[in-house]
Protein backbone atom coordinates (compact mmCIF):
# COMPACT_ATOMS: atom_id res chain seq x y z
CA UNK A 1 131.84 121.91 123.69
CA UNK A 2 133.43 123.99 120.75
CA UNK A 3 136.94 124.92 120.03
CA UNK A 4 138.08 128.26 118.64
CA UNK A 5 139.10 128.13 115.25
CA UNK A 6 142.67 127.42 113.95
CA UNK A 7 144.42 130.27 112.03
CA UNK A 8 143.50 130.67 108.69
CA UNK A 9 146.84 129.10 106.41
CA UNK A 10 147.94 131.14 104.13
CA UNK A 11 147.20 130.95 100.45
CA UNK A 12 148.42 128.14 98.76
CA UNK A 13 150.17 128.11 95.01
CA UNK A 14 148.97 127.12 91.82
CA UNK A 15 146.00 128.65 92.32
CA UNK A 16 144.73 127.23 95.18
CA UNK A 17 142.28 129.23 97.54
CA UNK A 18 142.89 130.39 101.30
CA UNK A 19 142.44 127.39 103.96
CA UNK A 20 140.32 128.51 106.70
CA UNK A 21 139.11 125.80 109.53
CA UNK A 22 135.94 126.06 111.45
CA UNK A 23 134.49 124.64 114.54
CA UNK A 24 134.93 121.14 115.26
CA UNK A 25 134.24 118.49 118.03
CA UNK A 26 134.99 116.67 120.84
CA UNK A 27 138.20 115.41 121.58
CA UNK A 28 139.52 111.79 122.08
CA UNK A 29 142.05 110.58 124.43
CA UNK A 30 145.42 109.75 124.00
CA UNK A 31 146.65 106.53 122.86
CA UNK A 32 149.76 105.54 120.71
CA UNK A 33 149.61 103.95 118.02
CA UNK A 34 151.34 101.46 115.20
CA UNK A 35 153.44 104.05 113.88
CA UNK A 36 154.79 105.15 117.36
CA UNK A 37 153.00 108.43 117.37
CA UNK A 38 151.31 109.64 120.41
CA UNK A 39 147.57 111.04 119.47
CA UNK A 40 147.59 115.02 120.73
CA UNK A 41 144.41 115.66 122.98
CA UNK A 42 142.16 117.75 121.25
CA UNK A 43 141.96 115.72 118.06
CA UNK A 44 138.70 114.57 117.42
CA UNK A 45 135.80 113.81 114.83
CA UNK A 46 132.76 115.89 115.55
CA UNK A 47 130.90 119.15 115.16
CA UNK A 48 129.97 120.65 111.56
CA UNK A 49 132.56 122.65 109.74
CA UNK A 50 130.31 125.61 108.08
CA UNK A 51 133.17 126.69 105.91
CA UNK A 52 132.31 126.73 102.01
CA UNK A 53 134.81 125.89 99.29
CA UNK A 54 133.90 127.99 96.15
CA UNK A 55 137.71 126.64 94.03
CA UNK A 56 138.60 123.46 93.06
CA UNK A 57 142.03 122.24 94.31
CA UNK A 58 144.99 120.03 93.22
CA UNK A 59 145.66 116.86 95.40
CA UNK A 60 146.45 117.26 99.31
CA UNK A 61 148.82 120.45 98.41
CA UNK A 62 150.14 122.31 100.79
CA UNK A 63 149.97 126.64 101.54
CA UNK A 64 153.23 128.51 100.29
CA UNK A 65 155.06 127.28 103.25
CA UNK A 66 153.83 123.97 102.73
CA UNK A 67 147.66 120.94 102.43
CA UNK A 68 145.09 118.13 101.38
CA UNK A 69 143.11 118.48 97.29
CA UNK A 70 141.79 116.58 94.81
CA UNK A 71 139.95 116.76 91.61
CA UNK A 72 138.16 119.28 89.50
CA UNK A 73 134.72 120.21 89.81
CA UNK A 74 131.81 121.85 87.46
CA UNK A 75 132.99 124.98 85.45
CA UNK A 76 136.43 124.80 86.20
CA UNK A 77 139.80 123.15 85.80
CA UNK A 78 140.51 119.97 87.43
CA UNK A 79 144.24 120.15 88.38
CA UNK A 80 144.72 116.83 86.69
CA UNK A 81 148.34 116.57 85.89
CA UNK A 82 149.45 117.53 82.09
CA UNK A 83 152.61 116.11 80.63
CA UNK A 84 154.34 117.79 77.82
CA UNK A 85 154.55 115.43 74.71
CA UNK A 86 156.32 116.43 71.44
CA UNK A 87 153.47 114.61 68.93
CA UNK A 88 154.83 114.40 64.55
CA UNK A 89 152.40 116.40 63.53
CA UNK A 90 151.73 113.87 60.79
CA UNK A 91 150.64 111.32 62.91
CA UNK A 92 148.50 114.01 64.31
CA UNK A 93 146.82 115.03 61.17
CA UNK A 94 146.08 111.04 60.41
CA UNK A 95 144.56 110.71 64.32
CA UNK A 96 142.27 113.62 63.65
CA UNK A 97 141.20 112.62 59.87
CA UNK A 98 139.90 109.39 61.57
CA UNK A 99 138.75 110.39 64.63
CA UNK A 100 135.14 110.85 63.28
CA UNK A 101 135.53 107.52 61.52
CA UNK A 102 136.23 105.77 64.62
CA UNK A 103 133.25 107.12 66.56
CA UNK A 104 130.97 105.54 63.37
CA UNK A 105 133.05 102.25 63.33
CA UNK A 106 132.31 101.55 66.58
CA UNK A 107 129.18 103.13 67.36
CA UNK A 108 126.47 101.23 69.43
CA UNK A 109 123.74 101.24 71.54
CA UNK A 110 124.58 101.27 74.91
CA UNK A 111 125.28 97.30 75.12
CA UNK A 112 121.82 95.93 73.94
CA UNK A 113 122.00 94.77 70.23
CA UNK A 114 123.80 95.62 67.01
CA UNK A 115 121.72 97.06 63.99
CA UNK A 116 121.56 93.22 62.65
CA UNK A 117 120.10 92.48 65.60
CA UNK A 118 122.54 90.24 67.11
CA UNK A 119 124.26 90.45 70.69
CA UNK A 120 127.10 92.20 71.05
CA UNK A 121 128.78 89.67 72.83
CA UNK A 122 128.29 85.75 72.17
CA UNK A 123 126.14 84.24 75.76
CA UNK A 124 128.20 83.01 77.83
CA UNK A 125 128.57 81.23 81.42
CA UNK A 126 128.53 83.58 84.77
CA UNK A 127 131.83 82.93 84.53
CA UNK A 128 133.36 82.18 81.22
CA UNK A 129 137.61 81.96 81.22
CA UNK A 130 139.66 83.60 78.37
CA UNK A 131 139.67 81.35 75.37
CA UNK A 132 142.91 83.76 73.89
CA UNK A 133 144.64 86.87 73.36
CA UNK A 134 142.19 88.08 70.41
CA UNK A 135 139.75 90.89 72.08
CA UNK A 136 136.57 92.08 70.02
CA UNK A 137 134.27 94.31 71.09
CA UNK A 138 132.10 93.83 74.11
CA UNK A 139 130.08 96.72 74.45
CA UNK A 140 130.13 100.68 74.65
CA UNK A 141 128.34 103.43 76.11
CA UNK A 142 127.88 106.63 74.29
CA UNK A 143 128.97 109.96 75.81
CA UNK A 144 126.16 111.60 77.66
CA UNK A 145 124.69 114.13 76.02
CA UNK A 146 125.10 118.01 77.93
CA UNK A 147 122.96 120.69 77.69
CA UNK A 148 123.95 124.58 77.26
CA UNK A 149 125.76 124.91 80.81
CA UNK A 150 125.85 121.65 81.92
CA UNK A 151 128.46 120.03 83.66
CA UNK A 152 128.02 116.15 83.40
CA UNK A 153 130.26 113.93 85.72
CA UNK A 154 130.26 110.21 85.47
CA UNK A 155 133.06 109.26 88.21
CA UNK A 156 132.78 105.63 89.06
CA UNK A 157 133.97 102.47 87.49
CA UNK A 158 134.13 98.74 88.85
CA UNK A 159 134.01 94.89 88.08
CA UNK A 160 132.60 92.23 89.74
CA UNK A 161 132.70 88.41 88.87
CA UNK A 162 129.40 89.00 87.35
CA UNK A 163 129.19 93.18 86.55
CA UNK A 164 130.96 95.95 85.02
CA UNK A 165 129.19 98.95 86.87
CA UNK A 166 129.81 102.63 85.95
CA UNK A 167 128.45 106.59 86.83
CA UNK A 168 126.39 107.54 84.10
CA UNK A 169 124.67 110.90 84.18
CA UNK A 170 122.12 110.83 87.16
CA UNK A 171 122.50 107.47 87.91
CA UNK A 172 125.10 104.08 88.48
CA UNK A 173 124.51 101.23 85.93
CA UNK A 174 125.81 97.79 85.54
CA UNK A 175 126.29 95.53 82.71
CA UNK A 176 126.36 91.67 82.33
CA UNK A 177 130.04 90.67 81.69
CA UNK A 178 128.50 87.62 79.61
CA UNK A 179 126.49 89.46 76.93
CA UNK A 180 127.33 93.33 77.62
CA UNK A 181 124.03 94.21 78.22
CA UNK A 182 122.83 96.71 80.81
CA UNK A 183 122.09 94.48 83.88
CA UNK A 184 120.32 97.37 86.00
CA UNK A 185 120.01 101.36 86.65
CA UNK A 186 120.08 102.70 90.17
CA UNK A 187 118.60 106.22 89.41
CA UNK A 188 120.18 108.84 91.63
CA UNK A 189 118.26 112.41 92.97
CA UNK A 190 121.03 113.74 90.98
CA UNK A 191 124.28 114.34 88.78
CA UNK A 192 127.50 112.44 90.32
CA UNK A 193 130.04 114.74 91.91
CA UNK A 194 132.65 112.09 93.06
CA UNK A 195 133.06 108.31 93.63
CA UNK A 196 135.53 105.46 95.33
CA UNK A 197 138.02 104.02 93.09
CA UNK A 198 137.80 101.04 95.21
CA UNK A 199 135.26 98.28 95.57
CA UNK A 200 134.75 96.12 98.64
CA UNK A 201 135.27 92.39 98.68
CA UNK A 202 132.04 91.95 98.86
CA UNK A 203 131.10 94.38 96.07
CA UNK A 204 130.38 97.45 97.69
CA UNK A 205 131.30 100.86 96.33
CA UNK A 206 130.61 104.77 97.77
CA UNK A 207 129.14 107.59 95.39
CA UNK A 208 128.17 111.33 96.62
CA UNK A 209 126.02 113.16 94.14
CA UNK A 210 123.61 115.97 94.12
CA UNK A 211 120.16 116.76 95.81
CA UNK A 212 118.49 117.43 93.00
CA UNK A 213 119.20 117.43 89.06
CA UNK A 214 119.74 120.79 88.92
CA UNK A 215 124.07 120.84 89.71
CA UNK A 216 124.19 124.08 89.36
CA UNK A 217 122.55 125.09 92.61
CA UNK A 218 122.11 121.69 94.30
CA UNK A 219 125.19 120.67 96.98
CA UNK A 220 126.62 117.11 96.41
CA UNK A 221 124.69 116.26 99.84
CA UNK A 222 123.77 112.68 99.04
CA UNK A 223 126.03 110.18 100.10
CA UNK A 224 125.55 106.00 99.29
CA UNK A 225 126.68 102.50 99.10
CA UNK A 226 125.88 100.76 96.61
CA UNK A 227 126.00 96.75 95.97
CA UNK A 228 127.18 96.26 92.60
CA UNK A 229 126.47 92.16 92.62
CA UNK A 230 122.95 93.21 93.30
CA UNK A 231 122.43 96.66 91.59
CA UNK A 232 121.05 97.80 95.16
CA UNK A 233 121.56 100.28 97.28
CA UNK A 234 122.51 99.23 100.51
CA UNK A 235 121.86 103.16 102.20
CA UNK A 236 121.53 106.34 101.32
CA UNK A 237 122.02 109.29 103.91
CA UNK A 238 122.84 113.23 103.61
CA UNK A 239 126.02 115.00 104.42
CA UNK A 240 125.11 117.70 106.45
CA UNK A 241 127.75 120.34 105.73
CA UNK A 242 127.25 122.38 103.53
CA UNK A 243 130.97 123.24 102.52
CA UNK A 244 130.79 120.48 101.10
CA UNK A 245 129.12 123.33 97.79
CA UNK A 246 129.24 121.14 94.50
CA UNK A 247 131.53 118.93 95.16
CA UNK A 248 135.10 120.70 94.06
CA UNK A 249 137.94 119.05 95.61
CA UNK A 250 135.93 115.77 96.41
CA UNK A 251 137.65 112.51 97.40
CA UNK A 252 135.31 109.33 98.36
CA UNK A 253 136.84 106.30 99.72
CA UNK A 254 135.66 102.75 100.96
CA UNK A 255 137.32 100.27 102.97
CA UNK A 256 134.92 97.01 104.80
CA UNK A 257 134.15 99.02 107.95
CA UNK A 258 133.94 102.55 106.51
CA UNK A 259 133.05 104.63 104.18
CA UNK A 260 133.73 108.59 103.78
CA UNK A 261 134.18 111.46 101.78
CA UNK A 262 136.61 114.46 101.82
CA UNK A 263 136.85 117.75 100.61
CA UNK A 264 138.33 121.00 101.22
CA UNK A 265 137.65 122.30 104.88
CA UNK A 266 135.22 119.38 105.57
CA UNK A 267 135.07 115.38 105.67
CA UNK A 268 132.27 112.81 106.73
CA UNK A 269 132.20 108.89 107.77
CA UNK A 270 129.91 105.97 108.11
CA UNK A 271 129.69 102.88 108.69
CA UNK A 272 129.82 100.80 105.98
CA UNK A 273 127.55 97.98 106.55
CA UNK A 274 124.25 100.33 107.63
CA UNK A 275 125.25 104.22 107.31
CA UNK A 276 125.57 104.76 111.10
CA UNK A 277 127.51 108.56 111.04
CA UNK A 278 130.99 108.33 112.04
CA UNK A 279 132.28 111.45 111.88
CA UNK A 280 130.75 114.88 110.47
CA UNK A 281 133.93 117.37 110.07
CA UNK A 282 137.96 116.87 110.19
CA UNK A 283 139.62 116.56 113.07
CA UNK A 284 140.30 119.68 115.32
CA UNK A 285 142.67 121.29 114.32
CA UNK A 286 142.72 119.79 110.35
CA UNK A 287 141.65 121.64 107.77
CA UNK A 288 141.40 119.32 105.40
CA UNK A 289 141.19 115.55 105.00
CA UNK A 290 141.84 113.25 102.27
CA UNK A 291 140.70 109.12 102.34
CA UNK A 292 142.16 105.89 100.97
CA UNK A 293 140.15 102.85 100.67
CA UNK A 294 141.09 98.98 100.41
CA UNK A 295 140.89 96.80 103.23
CA UNK A 296 141.06 99.53 105.90
CA UNK A 297 140.40 103.46 105.36
CA UNK A 298 143.36 105.81 106.02
CA UNK A 299 142.88 109.61 106.13
CA UNK A 300 145.73 112.01 105.33
CA UNK A 301 144.73 115.13 107.13
CA UNK A 302 146.28 118.84 106.94
CA UNK A 303 146.70 120.08 111.06
CA UNK A 304 148.34 121.98 113.37
CA UNK A 305 151.04 120.88 115.18
CA UNK A 306 153.76 122.73 117.27
CA UNK A 307 156.21 123.12 114.62
CA UNK A 308 153.17 124.44 111.90
CA UNK A 309 150.83 123.22 109.47
CA UNK A 310 151.89 119.42 108.75
CA UNK A 311 150.38 116.69 107.28
CA UNK A 312 148.98 113.51 109.05
CA UNK A 313 147.92 110.08 108.15
CA UNK A 314 145.90 107.99 110.66
CA UNK A 315 142.92 105.22 111.22
CA UNK A 316 139.72 105.83 112.15
CA UNK A 317 138.18 103.17 114.47
CA UNK A 318 134.98 101.70 112.99
CA UNK A 319 132.95 101.96 115.60
CA UNK A 320 133.51 105.32 117.23
CA UNK A 321 135.28 107.29 113.88
CA UNK A 322 138.33 108.42 116.51
CA UNK A 323 141.35 108.07 115.37
CA UNK A 324 143.42 104.62 116.42
CA UNK A 325 146.60 106.10 115.52
CA UNK A 326 148.43 108.86 113.81
CA UNK A 327 151.70 109.87 112.00
CA UNK A 328 153.17 113.19 110.87
CA UNK A 329 154.50 112.91 107.40
CA UNK A 330 158.09 114.37 106.73
CA UNK A 331 157.82 117.90 105.85
CA UNK A 332 156.90 118.54 102.39
CA UNK A 333 154.66 120.97 100.25
CA UNK A 334 152.41 118.46 99.00
CA UNK A 335 151.48 114.83 99.87
CA UNK A 336 149.14 111.89 98.87
CA UNK A 337 147.94 108.48 100.32
CA UNK A 338 149.86 105.41 97.74
CA UNK A 339 149.14 102.55 99.86
CA UNK A 340 148.10 101.05 102.96
CA UNK A 341 149.97 98.20 103.74
CA UNK A 342 152.82 98.93 103.36
CA UNK A 343 152.05 102.30 104.50
CA UNK A 344 153.79 104.58 101.29
CA UNK A 345 152.76 108.35 100.91
CA UNK A 346 153.59 110.36 97.68
CA UNK A 347 155.15 113.50 98.45
CA UNK A 348 156.01 116.98 96.66
CA UNK A 349 158.84 119.25 97.62
CA UNK A 350 159.04 121.84 95.01
CA UNK A 351 156.85 124.60 94.29
CA UNK A 352 155.89 124.04 90.58
CA UNK A 353 155.49 119.68 91.56
CA UNK A 354 151.54 118.89 90.30
CA UNK A 355 152.45 115.07 90.80
CA UNK A 356 154.95 113.26 93.21
CA UNK A 357 158.52 113.55 93.37
CA UNK A 358 158.95 110.75 95.92
CA UNK A 359 157.71 107.66 97.15
CA UNK A 360 158.33 107.90 101.25
CA UNK A 361 157.49 104.15 103.03
CA UNK A 362 156.83 104.46 106.65
CA UNK A 363 157.64 100.89 108.98
CA UNK A 364 154.68 100.03 111.70
CA UNK A 365 157.27 101.90 114.08
CA UNK A 366 156.81 105.38 112.29
CA UNK A 367 160.03 105.49 111.11
CA UNK A 368 161.10 106.36 106.92
CA UNK A 369 162.33 102.97 105.81
CA UNK A 370 163.33 104.22 102.20
CA UNK A 371 162.59 107.08 99.63
CA UNK A 372 162.26 106.68 96.10
CA UNK A 373 163.26 109.71 94.15
CA UNK A 374 161.05 110.09 91.33
CA UNK A 375 162.23 113.57 89.95
CA UNK A 376 160.14 114.66 86.94
CA UNK A 377 161.12 111.38 84.94
CA UNK A 378 158.31 109.20 86.51
CA UNK A 379 154.31 109.81 86.06
CA UNK A 380 152.76 108.51 89.59
CA UNK A 381 149.46 109.81 88.65
CA UNK A 382 149.21 111.32 92.02
CA UNK A 383 145.97 114.26 92.12
CA UNK A 384 142.87 113.17 90.77
CA UNK A 385 141.17 112.37 94.01
CA UNK A 386 143.83 112.19 96.28
CA UNK A 387 145.22 108.91 95.23
CA UNK A 388 148.34 108.12 92.85
CA UNK A 389 146.31 106.24 90.65
CA UNK A 390 149.34 105.70 88.19
CA UNK A 391 151.55 103.73 91.03
CA UNK A 392 150.98 100.49 91.75
CA UNK A 393 152.18 98.46 94.95
CA UNK A 394 152.77 95.33 95.08
CA UNK A 395 153.92 94.28 98.33
CA UNK A 396 156.81 95.40 98.95
CA UNK A 397 157.46 96.68 95.15
CA UNK A 398 156.34 99.68 93.62
CA UNK A 399 155.57 100.01 89.82
CA UNK A 400 155.47 103.15 88.70
CA UNK A 401 155.67 104.26 84.47
CA UNK A 402 158.37 106.84 83.17
CA UNK A 403 157.36 110.06 81.15
CA UNK A 404 158.00 108.67 77.43
CA UNK A 405 158.76 113.32 76.89
CA UNK A 406 158.47 112.11 73.19
CA UNK A 407 155.87 110.67 70.97
CA UNK A 408 158.79 108.71 69.00
CA UNK A 409 160.09 107.11 71.96
CA UNK A 410 158.36 104.38 74.42
CA UNK A 411 158.79 104.64 78.14
CA UNK A 412 159.58 102.19 80.60
CA UNK A 413 158.16 100.74 83.80
CA UNK A 414 160.33 100.39 87.01
CA UNK A 415 159.77 98.05 90.13
CA UNK A 416 161.42 99.59 93.09
CA UNK A 417 162.13 97.65 95.98
CA UNK A 418 160.25 99.81 99.08
CA UNK A 419 162.52 98.34 101.82
CA UNK A 420 165.34 99.96 100.13
CA UNK A 421 164.15 102.69 97.57
CA UNK A 422 166.42 100.83 95.31
CA UNK A 423 165.18 99.89 91.60
CA UNK A 424 165.03 95.93 91.16
CA UNK A 425 164.38 95.94 87.67
CA UNK A 426 162.74 97.71 84.20
CA UNK A 427 160.38 97.48 81.53
CA UNK A 428 161.07 99.02 78.19
CA UNK A 429 157.88 99.53 76.15
CA UNK A 430 157.79 97.92 72.88
CA UNK A 431 156.64 99.67 69.67
CA UNK A 432 157.40 103.12 70.50
CA UNK A 433 154.59 102.90 73.06
CA UNK A 434 153.64 104.06 76.56
CA UNK A 435 152.95 101.25 79.61
CA UNK A 436 150.31 102.21 82.06
CA UNK A 437 150.42 100.43 85.25
CA UNK A 438 146.98 99.00 86.12
CA UNK A 439 147.15 96.79 89.27
CA UNK A 440 148.99 94.40 90.96
CA UNK A 441 149.02 90.06 90.30
CA UNK A 442 150.33 88.53 92.96
CA UNK A 443 153.68 89.79 92.90
CA UNK A 444 153.65 90.84 89.41
CA UNK A 445 151.94 93.50 87.39
CA UNK A 446 149.15 94.02 84.95
CA UNK A 447 149.75 96.74 82.45
CA UNK A 448 148.17 98.34 79.68
CA UNK A 449 149.98 99.45 76.33
CA UNK A 450 148.19 102.28 74.87
CA UNK A 451 147.39 101.91 71.26
CA UNK A 452 149.14 104.02 68.34
CA UNK A 453 148.14 104.84 64.56
CA UNK A 454 149.51 101.42 63.39
CA UNK A 455 149.89 99.21 66.78
CA UNK A 456 146.61 97.70 68.78
CA UNK A 457 146.29 98.52 72.57
CA UNK A 458 147.43 95.31 74.86
CA UNK A 459 147.07 94.19 78.36
CA UNK A 460 150.14 92.45 79.43
CA UNK A 461 151.65 90.97 82.80
CA UNK A 462 155.04 91.91 83.35
CA UNK A 463 156.78 89.30 85.95
CA UNK A 464 159.59 91.05 88.09
CA UNK A 465 161.41 87.24 88.76
CA UNK A 466 161.67 86.43 85.06
CA UNK A 467 161.72 90.00 83.54
CA UNK A 468 158.86 88.51 80.60
CA UNK A 469 156.18 90.27 79.41
CA UNK A 470 153.16 88.45 78.56
CA UNK A 471 150.17 89.59 76.72
CA UNK A 472 146.91 88.44 77.82
CA UNK A 473 144.41 90.82 75.68
CA UNK A 474 144.94 92.67 72.28
CA UNK A 475 142.12 94.66 70.87
CA UNK A 476 141.86 95.29 66.71
CA UNK A 477 144.44 96.24 64.92
CA UNK A 478 142.18 99.02 63.12
CA UNK A 479 143.25 102.60 62.59
CA UNK A 480 140.11 103.48 63.52
CA UNK A 481 140.12 101.62 66.64
CA UNK A 482 143.70 102.63 67.31
CA UNK A 483 143.03 106.52 67.34
CA UNK A 484 139.88 106.05 69.81
CA UNK A 485 141.98 104.16 72.44
CA UNK A 486 145.10 106.21 71.68
CA UNK A 487 142.92 109.03 72.94
CA UNK A 488 140.92 107.13 75.96
CA UNK A 489 143.97 105.19 77.50
CA UNK A 490 144.82 107.89 80.00
CA UNK A 491 148.73 107.60 81.31
CA UNK A 492 148.05 108.86 84.54
CA UNK A 493 145.11 106.78 85.81
CA UNK A 494 142.76 110.04 85.34
CA UNK A 495 140.35 107.71 83.64
CA UNK A 496 139.85 104.37 84.86
CA UNK A 497 141.19 101.06 82.80
CA UNK A 498 140.07 98.01 84.36
CA UNK A 499 140.66 94.47 83.62
CA UNK A 500 140.06 90.77 84.89
CA UNK A 501 140.24 87.59 83.37
CA UNK A 502 140.36 88.64 79.79
CA UNK A 503 138.23 91.63 79.70
CA UNK A 504 139.24 95.04 79.22
CA UNK A 505 136.82 98.23 80.69
CA UNK A 506 137.85 101.99 79.42
CA UNK A 507 135.74 105.05 81.11
CA UNK A 508 135.60 108.12 80.92
CA UNK A 509 134.58 110.30 84.31
CA UNK A 510 133.48 113.31 83.01
CA UNK A 511 133.66 116.64 80.22
CA UNK A 512 131.58 115.31 77.57
CA UNK A 513 130.71 118.91 75.56
CA UNK A 514 132.79 118.12 72.75
CA UNK A 515 133.03 114.29 73.10
CA UNK A 516 134.05 112.68 70.23
CA UNK A 517 134.54 109.44 72.01
CA UNK A 518 132.10 106.56 74.16
CA UNK A 519 132.12 107.35 77.88
CA UNK A 520 133.14 103.43 78.22
CA UNK A 521 134.29 100.98 75.71
CA UNK A 522 134.84 97.04 77.02
CA UNK A 523 136.93 94.45 75.35
CA UNK A 524 136.79 90.97 75.99
CA UNK A 525 138.82 87.42 74.68
CA UNK A 526 135.95 84.64 75.67
C-alpha cells in the first residue's frame, strides 16, 4: 500500500536544496519505547524513494523554519566546518618553504620497502607491545593520482589487532601492523562514496561505492560489508533507490546487527551478518535519515509531526527493520547523533551555525537530563558523516576541545558531566598547540597534540581523576615532519586519526588534485 507524499519542506539555509519526500512503505503498529515515546501509526520502512538529490548538504540541518545532512561529494563543497585561525606570517612562510621537502623526506613505497631495501618497521610478533614513547614511521601510502575532472574519495580508516585498513582509489586495503607491509587489497567496482566510522567487535566495516569506475556517470549503488581481519568481502548488495545518485550527503554506519546508509531523501538498511534487506526508504513522513553505529545502530530522521517538521531518534529492530522506539528531539535548526549510550545529541539553534552549539543528554525515560552550552568556543566536529567526530563520550563524561582562535595560543579540552551539564575538569594544551580528542580509554581520554614548527605531534592520555596528561607516543621532532603532521592532523575530526597500542594512523579521506601529503601515514613505538 502506498501513501501520498509529505508536503515539500521549505528551502534550507547555507545553500541547501529543497527537501522533498517520496512514497513510503507499510506502517508498523504502536509500540512504546524506552524513551517514553509512542511510535505513531504509519511510520514504517518500506518502498523505494525515487527523489534524487543533486547537491551536497551540511549535517542533518533543518530548513528555514527549522533537517539531516552529511559530507560533501564529487565536484562540490563538502560543508566541512572551517574555523578562522590567525596565523603568523613568518610561521606560514616556514611551513610553505619546507612543504616540498617534507614530502621528499617522508616519501616511500606504500608500506613495502625503503630505497635501501630494508623493510619499514622491523618484523615483530602478531601482537607486540609498545616499548617506549619514541615513534618512528611505520609506513606511508602516497596520495592517489587524479585525472582531469576526476574526483577521488578514500573514506574509511579502521584498526584491529592485526591490520590497519583504509579506503583507497577503487579499493579497500589492509596493512600488517607488525611490518607495515600491504597485506591484502579488496578491489571494488568503482570509487568509494562513503564508509562507516565504526568497526564491529569482530572486525566488520561497511562501505558504499560506485557501480563502475566512471564516478561521474555511475551511481553509488553498491553496499558491502568487509571483514578487516580476513581481508575479505562478507557480502555485497545493490542499493535500489536511485536517489542516492553520486553519494552527496551520504552517511554510512554499522553495528553488530545492522548496517545502513542514509542520504538526502533516502535510507537503506541490511543485516550485518548476511546482507538481508531491512528497509529501503526513510520512515513514512520523514524526509531524510542519518545513522550512528556502535554496539547498536540509532537513526536520526527529520519527520512530519503534528507540530510541524521535527527531528526524531529511533532504533531499528534488527530482525524486521521496524522501529522499536522513537524520541522526538527538542526543536532545533540542526541535529546530530553524538552517542547512543547514553543518548547524546548535538543541536544547533542559530541560523548560521555549522557545528553543534549544545550537547543534550536524554534519559531512558525520554527526558532531557542535561544541556551543555558550547556556543562558538568549542569544536564538536559535527557535520561530516552524521556524527560529531571531535567529541568523545566516555560513560557520563563528554570530552570536547576549544577553538584556539589564534595560532599564538593553545586550546584546552574540557570534560563535561553529562548528568548535570557542568564542566568537571579542563586540560590546557602545552607548547601553544591544539589538543584533539580521539577516543575514550576507560574513563580517561586519548588525545592527539598537533605538531607545530618546533614541537612534535604527540599522543596523550588525559586522566580526569588526577588531571595528569601522560605521553604515550611522540613523533620525530623534525621541521619537515612537523610541517606535514601539522597539515594532516584534523582539529575537527574531518579526517580519521586512530591510535592503538603505541601506533598512530593518519588518513586523508579525499580531494587529491593538489595533494602534497601522503594519503596515509603511520607511526609506531614498537
